[in-house]
């Protein structure tokens, strides 16, 4: 799911905008995690909802480098992607250690609830902070761009 999401959200972003796509993806992930916490005991729901979580999670790999390129220039796209990949590596070992100790459901909620809050916060920030910021940056870049040379004809 995580691999299929990249071209899908790239296509969605091309049609409705990067920030709108982020709002949808982060909101869907937050909702899917909440439902997963409530319904993980039902095997079919566990499979569907965990798939949806990973589907929404992969959106960062197509949209974050693109928006970093829009805001800061193309040379920053690769660095942004590397930071996104390496920034989440610490969560898996910590969760595995807590699962090994027991109390999986309670510990799972303790691990995932902050993620839900971050997802919903990121969804709102994408729409109400990032979208106006990018619009201002793009407008300023257009104003500062040199006028086309020559006058045809």
N, C-alpha and C. Protein backbone atom coordinates (compact mmCIF):
# COMPACT_ATOMS: atom_id res chain seq x y z
N UNK A 1 0.83 -1.20 0.00
CA UNK A 1 0.00 0.00 0.00
C UNK A 1 0.86 1.25 0.00
N UNK A 2 1.94 1.18 0.76
CA UNK A 2 2.79 2.35 0.88
C UNK A 2 3.44 2.71 -0.46
N UNK A 3 3.73 1.73 -1.30
CA UNK A 3 4.29 2.01 -2.62
C UNK A 3 3.25 2.52 -3.60
N UNK A 4 2.03 2.01 -3.53
CA UNK A 4 0.96 2.42 -4.44
C UNK A 4 0.50 3.85 -4.18
N UNK A 5 0.69 4.30 -2.96
CA UNK A 5 0.20 5.62 -2.59
C UNK A 5 0.96 6.76 -3.27
N UNK A 6 2.21 6.53 -3.58
CA UNK A 6 3.04 7.63 -4.11
C UNK A 6 2.55 8.14 -5.46
N UNK A 7 2.37 7.28 -6.44
CA UNK A 7 1.83 7.81 -7.70
C UNK A 7 0.38 8.26 -7.55
N UNK A 8 -0.40 7.59 -6.70
CA UNK A 8 -1.80 7.98 -6.53
C UNK A 8 -1.90 9.40 -5.98
N UNK A 9 -1.20 9.69 -4.88
CA UNK A 9 -1.30 11.02 -4.30
C UNK A 9 -0.60 12.06 -5.16
N UNK A 10 0.39 11.67 -5.95
CA UNK A 10 0.96 12.60 -6.92
C UNK A 10 -0.08 13.01 -7.95
N UNK A 11 -0.85 12.04 -8.42
CA UNK A 11 -1.92 12.33 -9.38
C UNK A 11 -3.00 13.20 -8.75
N UNK A 12 -3.41 12.86 -7.53
CA UNK A 12 -4.43 13.67 -6.83
C UNK A 12 -3.91 15.10 -6.67
N UNK A 13 -2.66 15.23 -6.25
CA UNK A 13 -2.06 16.54 -6.06
C UNK A 13 -2.06 17.36 -7.35
N UNK A 14 -1.79 16.73 -8.47
CA UNK A 14 -1.82 17.42 -9.75
C UNK A 14 -3.21 17.96 -10.07
N UNK A 15 -4.23 17.32 -9.54
CA UNK A 15 -5.60 17.72 -9.86
C UNK A 15 -6.24 18.66 -8.84
N UNK A 16 -5.89 18.53 -7.55
CA UNK A 16 -6.55 19.39 -6.56
C UNK A 16 -5.58 20.22 -5.73
N UNK A 17 -4.30 20.09 -5.96
CA UNK A 17 -3.29 20.88 -5.24
C UNK A 17 -2.63 20.09 -4.12
N UNK A 18 -1.40 20.46 -3.84
CA UNK A 18 -0.62 19.73 -2.85
C UNK A 18 -1.21 19.82 -1.45
N UNK A 19 -1.56 21.01 -1.03
CA UNK A 19 -2.04 21.19 0.34
C UNK A 19 -3.40 20.52 0.55
N UNK A 20 -4.27 20.60 -0.43
CA UNK A 20 -5.57 19.92 -0.32
C UNK A 20 -5.36 18.41 -0.22
N UNK A 21 -4.39 17.90 -0.98
CA UNK A 21 -4.08 16.48 -0.94
C UNK A 21 -3.52 16.09 0.42
N UNK A 22 -2.65 16.92 0.97
CA UNK A 22 -2.11 16.65 2.31
C UNK A 22 -3.23 16.63 3.35
N UNK A 23 -4.14 17.56 3.24
CA UNK A 23 -5.27 17.60 4.18
C UNK A 23 -6.04 16.28 4.13
N UNK A 24 -6.32 15.81 2.94
CA UNK A 24 -7.07 14.55 2.79
C UNK A 24 -6.25 13.38 3.34
N UNK A 25 -4.98 13.30 2.97
CA UNK A 25 -4.15 12.16 3.37
C UNK A 25 -3.94 12.12 4.88
N UNK A 26 -3.58 13.26 5.48
CA UNK A 26 -3.36 13.28 6.92
C UNK A 26 -4.66 13.02 7.68
N UNK A 27 -5.75 13.59 7.19
CA UNK A 27 -7.04 13.33 7.84
C UNK A 27 -7.45 11.88 7.73
N UNK A 28 -7.25 11.28 6.57
CA UNK A 28 -7.59 9.86 6.39
C UNK A 28 -6.74 8.97 7.28
N UNK A 29 -5.45 9.30 7.39
CA UNK A 29 -4.58 8.50 8.25
C UNK A 29 -4.99 8.61 9.71
N UNK A 30 -5.26 9.83 10.17
CA UNK A 30 -5.69 10.01 11.56
C UNK A 30 -6.97 9.25 11.86
N UNK A 31 -7.93 9.33 10.95
CA UNK A 31 -9.19 8.62 11.12
C UNK A 31 -8.98 7.11 11.09
N UNK A 32 -8.15 6.65 10.18
CA UNK A 32 -7.88 5.21 10.08
C UNK A 32 -7.19 4.68 11.35
N UNK A 33 -6.28 5.47 11.92
CA UNK A 33 -5.62 5.05 13.16
C UNK A 33 -6.64 4.98 14.30
N UNK A 34 -7.49 5.99 14.39
CA UNK A 34 -8.53 5.97 15.43
C UNK A 34 -9.42 4.74 15.30
N UNK A 35 -9.86 4.46 14.09
CA UNK A 35 -10.70 3.29 13.86
C UNK A 35 -9.93 1.99 14.12
N UNK A 36 -8.66 1.98 13.78
CA UNK A 36 -7.83 0.81 14.03
C UNK A 36 -7.74 0.52 15.52
N UNK A 37 -7.59 1.56 16.32
CA UNK A 37 -7.52 1.37 17.77
C UNK A 37 -8.83 0.78 18.32
N UNK A 38 -9.94 1.15 17.73
CA UNK A 38 -11.24 0.65 18.18
C UNK A 38 -11.59 -0.73 17.61
N UNK A 39 -11.15 -1.00 16.38
CA UNK A 39 -11.64 -2.19 15.67
C UNK A 39 -10.54 -3.21 15.33
N UNK A 40 -9.35 -3.06 15.89
CA UNK A 40 -8.24 -3.96 15.55
C UNK A 40 -8.52 -5.40 15.96
N UNK A 41 -9.44 -5.61 16.86
CA UNK A 41 -9.75 -6.98 17.30
C UNK A 41 -10.55 -7.76 16.26
N UNK A 42 -11.06 -7.06 15.25
CA UNK A 42 -11.78 -7.71 14.15
C UNK A 42 -10.79 -7.90 13.01
N UNK A 43 -10.43 -9.15 12.68
CA UNK A 43 -9.34 -9.37 11.71
C UNK A 43 -9.51 -8.64 10.38
N UNK A 44 -10.70 -8.65 9.82
CA UNK A 44 -10.90 -7.99 8.52
C UNK A 44 -10.68 -6.48 8.65
N UNK A 45 -11.16 -5.89 9.72
CA UNK A 45 -10.99 -4.45 9.92
C UNK A 45 -9.52 -4.12 10.17
N UNK A 46 -8.83 -5.02 10.88
CA UNK A 46 -7.40 -4.81 11.11
C UNK A 46 -6.66 -4.73 9.78
N UNK A 47 -6.95 -5.64 8.87
CA UNK A 47 -6.27 -5.66 7.57
C UNK A 47 -6.64 -4.42 6.76
N UNK A 48 -7.90 -4.09 6.69
CA UNK A 48 -8.35 -2.95 5.89
C UNK A 48 -7.79 -1.64 6.44
N UNK A 49 -7.93 -1.45 7.76
CA UNK A 49 -7.52 -0.18 8.35
C UNK A 49 -6.00 -0.02 8.40
N UNK A 50 -5.28 -1.10 8.66
CA UNK A 50 -3.82 -0.97 8.63
C UNK A 50 -3.35 -0.68 7.20
N UNK A 51 -4.01 -1.26 6.21
CA UNK A 51 -3.70 -0.93 4.82
C UNK A 51 -3.96 0.53 4.52
N UNK A 52 -5.07 1.07 5.03
CA UNK A 52 -5.40 2.48 4.81
C UNK A 52 -4.38 3.39 5.50
N UNK A 53 -3.96 3.01 6.70
CA UNK A 53 -2.95 3.81 7.40
C UNK A 53 -1.68 3.88 6.55
N UNK A 54 -1.20 2.75 6.08
CA UNK A 54 0.02 2.75 5.27
C UNK A 54 -0.19 3.42 3.92
N UNK A 55 -1.40 3.32 3.38
CA UNK A 55 -1.69 4.00 2.12
C UNK A 55 -1.56 5.51 2.30
N UNK A 56 -2.15 6.03 3.37
CA UNK A 56 -2.08 7.47 3.60
C UNK A 56 -0.68 7.91 4.03
N UNK A 57 0.04 7.03 4.70
CA UNK A 57 1.37 7.36 5.20
C UNK A 57 2.36 7.63 4.07
N UNK A 58 2.28 6.92 2.99
CA UNK A 58 3.24 7.06 1.90
C UNK A 58 3.12 8.34 1.11
N UNK A 59 2.11 9.10 1.35
CA UNK A 59 1.89 10.36 0.64
C UNK A 59 3.05 11.32 0.82
N UNK A 60 3.72 11.24 1.96
CA UNK A 60 4.81 12.19 2.22
C UNK A 60 5.93 12.06 1.21
N UNK A 61 6.13 10.85 0.68
CA UNK A 61 7.26 10.64 -0.23
C UNK A 61 7.05 11.28 -1.59
N UNK A 62 5.83 11.57 -1.96
CA UNK A 62 5.61 12.26 -3.22
C UNK A 62 5.35 13.75 -3.01
N UNK A 63 4.73 14.13 -1.91
CA UNK A 63 4.34 15.52 -1.74
C UNK A 63 5.36 16.38 -0.99
N UNK A 64 6.03 15.84 0.00
CA UNK A 64 6.97 16.67 0.77
C UNK A 64 8.13 17.17 -0.10
N UNK A 65 8.78 16.31 -0.89
CA UNK A 65 9.85 16.85 -1.75
C UNK A 65 9.31 17.86 -2.76
N UNK A 66 8.12 17.62 -3.26
CA UNK A 66 7.55 18.54 -4.25
C UNK A 66 7.28 19.90 -3.63
N UNK A 67 6.72 19.91 -2.43
CA UNK A 67 6.41 21.20 -1.81
C UNK A 67 7.68 21.89 -1.34
N UNK A 68 8.69 21.11 -0.92
CA UNK A 68 9.98 21.70 -0.56
C UNK A 68 10.61 22.35 -1.79
N UNK A 69 10.49 21.69 -2.94
CA UNK A 69 10.99 22.27 -4.18
C UNK A 69 10.25 23.54 -4.55
N UNK A 70 8.93 23.55 -4.34
CA UNK A 70 8.14 24.75 -4.64
C UNK A 70 8.58 25.93 -3.77
N UNK A 71 8.83 25.65 -2.49
CA UNK A 71 9.12 26.72 -1.54
C UNK A 71 10.59 27.14 -1.52
N UNK A 72 11.50 26.18 -1.67
CA UNK A 72 12.91 26.48 -1.44
C UNK A 72 13.81 26.19 -2.62
N UNK A 73 13.25 25.66 -3.71
CA UNK A 73 14.05 25.34 -4.88
C UNK A 73 14.30 23.85 -5.00
N UNK A 74 14.60 23.42 -6.18
CA UNK A 74 14.73 22.00 -6.48
C UNK A 74 15.89 21.31 -5.75
N UNK A 75 16.93 22.04 -5.41
CA UNK A 75 18.08 21.40 -4.77
C UNK A 75 17.76 20.85 -3.38
N UNK A 76 16.64 21.27 -2.77
CA UNK A 76 16.29 20.81 -1.44
C UNK A 76 15.38 19.59 -1.44
N UNK A 77 14.91 19.17 -2.59
CA UNK A 77 13.98 18.04 -2.66
C UNK A 77 14.58 16.75 -2.12
N UNK A 78 15.79 16.43 -2.51
CA UNK A 78 16.41 15.17 -2.08
C UNK A 78 16.65 15.18 -0.57
N UNK A 79 17.11 16.29 -0.01
CA UNK A 79 17.36 16.38 1.42
C UNK A 79 16.05 16.22 2.21
N UNK A 80 15.00 16.81 1.75
CA UNK A 80 13.70 16.69 2.43
C UNK A 80 13.24 15.25 2.46
N UNK A 81 13.41 14.55 1.37
CA UNK A 81 13.00 13.15 1.31
C UNK A 81 13.82 12.31 2.28
N UNK A 82 15.12 12.53 2.34
CA UNK A 82 15.96 11.78 3.27
C UNK A 82 15.56 12.03 4.71
N UNK A 83 15.24 13.26 5.07
CA UNK A 83 14.81 13.58 6.43
C UNK A 83 13.49 12.88 6.75
N UNK A 84 12.59 12.82 5.81
CA UNK A 84 11.30 12.16 6.03
C UNK A 84 11.48 10.68 6.28
N UNK A 85 12.38 10.05 5.55
CA UNK A 85 12.61 8.61 5.69
C UNK A 85 13.28 8.31 7.02
N UNK A 86 14.31 9.04 7.36
CA UNK A 86 15.09 8.74 8.56
C UNK A 86 14.42 9.22 9.84
N UNK A 87 13.53 10.15 9.76
CA UNK A 87 12.91 10.71 10.96
C UNK A 87 11.98 9.77 11.70
N UNK A 88 11.47 8.74 11.04
CA UNK A 88 10.52 7.84 11.69
C UNK A 88 11.15 6.55 12.20
N UNK A 89 12.43 6.34 11.97
CA UNK A 89 13.08 5.10 12.33
C UNK A 89 13.08 4.77 13.81
N UNK A 90 12.99 5.77 14.67
CA UNK A 90 13.07 5.51 16.10
C UNK A 90 11.78 4.93 16.68
N UNK A 91 10.65 5.07 16.00
CA UNK A 91 9.37 4.62 16.55
C UNK A 91 9.24 3.10 16.55
N UNK A 92 9.76 2.42 15.56
CA UNK A 92 9.57 0.98 15.47
C UNK A 92 10.26 0.20 16.58
N UNK A 93 11.54 0.44 16.88
CA UNK A 93 12.15 -0.31 17.98
C UNK A 93 11.49 -0.05 19.32
N UNK A 94 11.09 1.18 19.58
CA UNK A 94 10.45 1.50 20.86
C UNK A 94 9.12 0.76 20.98
N UNK A 95 8.34 0.73 19.92
CA UNK A 95 7.06 0.01 19.95
C UNK A 95 7.25 -1.48 20.09
N UNK A 96 8.26 -2.03 19.41
CA UNK A 96 8.52 -3.47 19.52
C UNK A 96 8.94 -3.84 20.93
N UNK A 97 9.72 -3.01 21.58
CA UNK A 97 10.14 -3.27 22.96
C UNK A 97 8.93 -3.29 23.90
N UNK A 98 8.05 -2.32 23.75
CA UNK A 98 6.85 -2.27 24.61
C UNK A 98 5.94 -3.46 24.34
N UNK A 99 5.84 -3.87 23.09
CA UNK A 99 5.00 -5.03 22.77
C UNK A 99 5.58 -6.28 23.41
N UNK A 100 6.88 -6.41 23.43
CA UNK A 100 7.52 -7.58 24.03
C UNK A 100 7.25 -7.64 25.54
N UNK A 101 7.15 -6.48 26.19
CA UNK A 101 6.89 -6.44 27.62
C UNK A 101 5.47 -6.85 27.96
N UNK A 102 4.54 -6.77 27.02
CA UNK A 102 3.14 -7.10 27.28
C UNK A 102 2.29 -5.85 27.27
N UNK A 103 0.98 -6.03 27.47
CA UNK A 103 0.07 -4.90 27.45
C UNK A 103 -0.01 -4.26 26.09
N UNK A 104 -0.08 -5.07 25.07
CA UNK A 104 0.02 -4.59 23.69
C UNK A 104 -1.04 -3.55 23.37
N UNK A 105 -2.30 -3.79 23.69
CA UNK A 105 -3.35 -2.87 23.28
C UNK A 105 -3.19 -1.50 23.94
N UNK A 106 -2.91 -1.49 25.25
CA UNK A 106 -2.72 -0.21 25.92
C UNK A 106 -1.49 0.50 25.37
N UNK A 107 -0.42 -0.24 25.21
CA UNK A 107 0.81 0.36 24.70
C UNK A 107 0.64 0.84 23.27
N UNK A 108 -0.11 0.10 22.46
CA UNK A 108 -0.36 0.50 21.09
C UNK A 108 -1.09 1.84 21.07
N UNK A 109 -2.10 1.98 21.93
CA UNK A 109 -2.81 3.25 22.01
C UNK A 109 -1.90 4.38 22.43
N UNK A 110 -1.01 4.10 23.38
CA UNK A 110 -0.07 5.13 23.83
C UNK A 110 0.87 5.54 22.71
N UNK A 111 1.25 4.61 21.85
CA UNK A 111 2.11 4.93 20.71
C UNK A 111 1.36 5.67 19.61
N UNK A 112 0.13 5.29 19.36
CA UNK A 112 -0.59 5.79 18.19
C UNK A 112 -1.40 7.06 18.46
N UNK A 113 -1.85 7.29 19.67
CA UNK A 113 -2.67 8.49 19.94
C UNK A 113 -1.94 9.79 19.63
N UNK A 114 -0.66 9.93 19.99
CA UNK A 114 0.03 11.15 19.55
C UNK A 114 0.08 11.26 18.02
N UNK A 115 0.21 10.14 17.35
CA UNK A 115 0.21 10.16 15.89
C UNK A 115 -1.10 10.67 15.32
N UNK A 116 -2.21 10.29 15.95
CA UNK A 116 -3.52 10.78 15.52
C UNK A 116 -3.58 12.30 15.68
N UNK A 117 -3.14 12.78 16.83
CA UNK A 117 -3.14 14.23 17.08
C UNK A 117 -2.25 14.95 16.06
N UNK A 118 -1.08 14.37 15.79
CA UNK A 118 -0.18 14.99 14.81
C UNK A 118 -0.78 14.96 13.41
N UNK A 119 -1.46 13.86 13.06
CA UNK A 119 -2.10 13.78 11.74
C UNK A 119 -3.15 14.86 11.56
N UNK A 120 -4.03 15.01 12.53
CA UNK A 120 -5.09 16.01 12.41
C UNK A 120 -4.51 17.43 12.44
N UNK A 121 -3.47 17.64 13.25
CA UNK A 121 -2.81 18.95 13.29
C UNK A 121 -2.15 19.24 11.94
N UNK A 122 -1.46 18.25 11.38
CA UNK A 122 -0.81 18.44 10.08
C UNK A 122 -1.83 18.70 8.98
N UNK A 123 -2.98 18.04 9.05
CA UNK A 123 -4.02 18.27 8.05
C UNK A 123 -4.47 19.73 8.08
N UNK A 124 -4.70 20.24 9.28
CA UNK A 124 -5.14 21.64 9.41
C UNK A 124 -4.03 22.62 9.02
N UNK A 125 -2.80 22.31 9.42
CA UNK A 125 -1.68 23.18 9.05
C UNK A 125 -1.48 23.23 7.53
N UNK A 126 -1.65 22.10 6.87
CA UNK A 126 -1.49 22.07 5.41
C UNK A 126 -2.47 23.02 4.75
N UNK A 127 -3.69 23.04 5.24
CA UNK A 127 -4.73 23.85 4.62
C UNK A 127 -4.65 25.33 5.02
N UNK A 128 -4.40 25.59 6.30
CA UNK A 128 -4.53 26.96 6.80
C UNK A 128 -3.20 27.70 6.98
N UNK A 129 -2.08 27.00 6.94
CA UNK A 129 -0.78 27.66 7.06
C UNK A 129 0.05 27.46 5.79
N UNK A 130 0.24 26.22 5.40
CA UNK A 130 1.10 25.93 4.25
C UNK A 130 0.52 26.45 2.94
N UNK A 131 -0.77 26.29 2.75
CA UNK A 131 -1.38 26.73 1.48
C UNK A 131 -1.22 28.24 1.27
N UNK A 132 -1.56 29.08 2.27
CA UNK A 132 -1.34 30.52 2.05
C UNK A 132 0.14 30.89 1.93
N UNK A 133 1.00 30.19 2.67
CA UNK A 133 2.44 30.46 2.60
C UNK A 133 2.96 30.18 1.20
N UNK A 134 2.61 29.02 0.65
CA UNK A 134 3.09 28.67 -0.69
C UNK A 134 2.54 29.64 -1.73
N UNK A 135 1.29 30.07 -1.57
CA UNK A 135 0.71 31.03 -2.52
C UNK A 135 1.51 32.34 -2.50
N UNK A 136 1.92 32.80 -1.32
CA UNK A 136 2.71 34.02 -1.23
C UNK A 136 4.10 33.84 -1.85
N UNK A 137 4.72 32.68 -1.60
CA UNK A 137 6.06 32.43 -2.15
C UNK A 137 6.00 32.36 -3.67
N UNK A 138 5.02 31.68 -4.21
CA UNK A 138 4.89 31.55 -5.66
C UNK A 138 4.59 32.91 -6.29
N UNK A 139 3.72 33.71 -5.66
CA UNK A 139 3.39 35.04 -6.19
C UNK A 139 4.63 35.94 -6.18
N UNK A 140 5.41 35.88 -5.11
CA UNK A 140 6.63 36.69 -5.02
C UNK A 140 7.63 36.26 -6.09
N UNK A 141 7.77 34.97 -6.29
CA UNK A 141 8.70 34.48 -7.32
C UNK A 141 8.28 34.94 -8.71
N UNK A 142 7.00 34.97 -8.96
CA UNK A 142 6.51 35.43 -10.27
C UNK A 142 6.79 36.91 -10.46
N UNK A 143 6.60 37.71 -9.39
CA UNK A 143 6.87 39.14 -9.49
C UNK A 143 8.34 39.43 -9.72
N UNK A 144 9.20 38.60 -9.15
CA UNK A 144 10.64 38.85 -9.23
C UNK A 144 11.28 38.22 -10.47
N UNK A 145 10.52 37.40 -11.20
CA UNK A 145 11.06 36.76 -12.40
C UNK A 145 11.32 37.81 -13.47
N UNK A 146 12.40 37.65 -14.21
CA UNK A 146 12.69 38.63 -15.27
C UNK A 146 11.61 38.57 -16.35
N UNK A 147 11.37 39.73 -16.92
CA UNK A 147 10.37 39.83 -18.00
C UNK A 147 10.90 39.08 -19.23
N UNK A 148 9.99 38.48 -20.00
CA UNK A 148 10.41 37.78 -21.21
C UNK A 148 11.13 38.73 -22.16
N UNK A 149 12.18 38.25 -22.78
CA UNK A 149 12.95 39.09 -23.70
C UNK A 149 12.30 39.16 -25.06
N UNK A 150 12.58 40.23 -25.74
CA UNK A 150 12.11 40.37 -27.12
C UNK A 150 10.64 40.72 -27.21
N UNK A 151 10.28 41.11 -28.34
CA UNK A 151 8.89 41.51 -28.55
C UNK A 151 8.31 40.86 -29.78
N UNK A 152 8.69 39.68 -30.08
CA UNK A 152 8.08 38.93 -31.20
C UNK A 152 7.93 39.80 -32.46
N UNK A 153 7.77 39.23 -33.51
CA UNK A 153 7.38 39.95 -34.65
C UNK A 153 8.28 40.31 -35.66
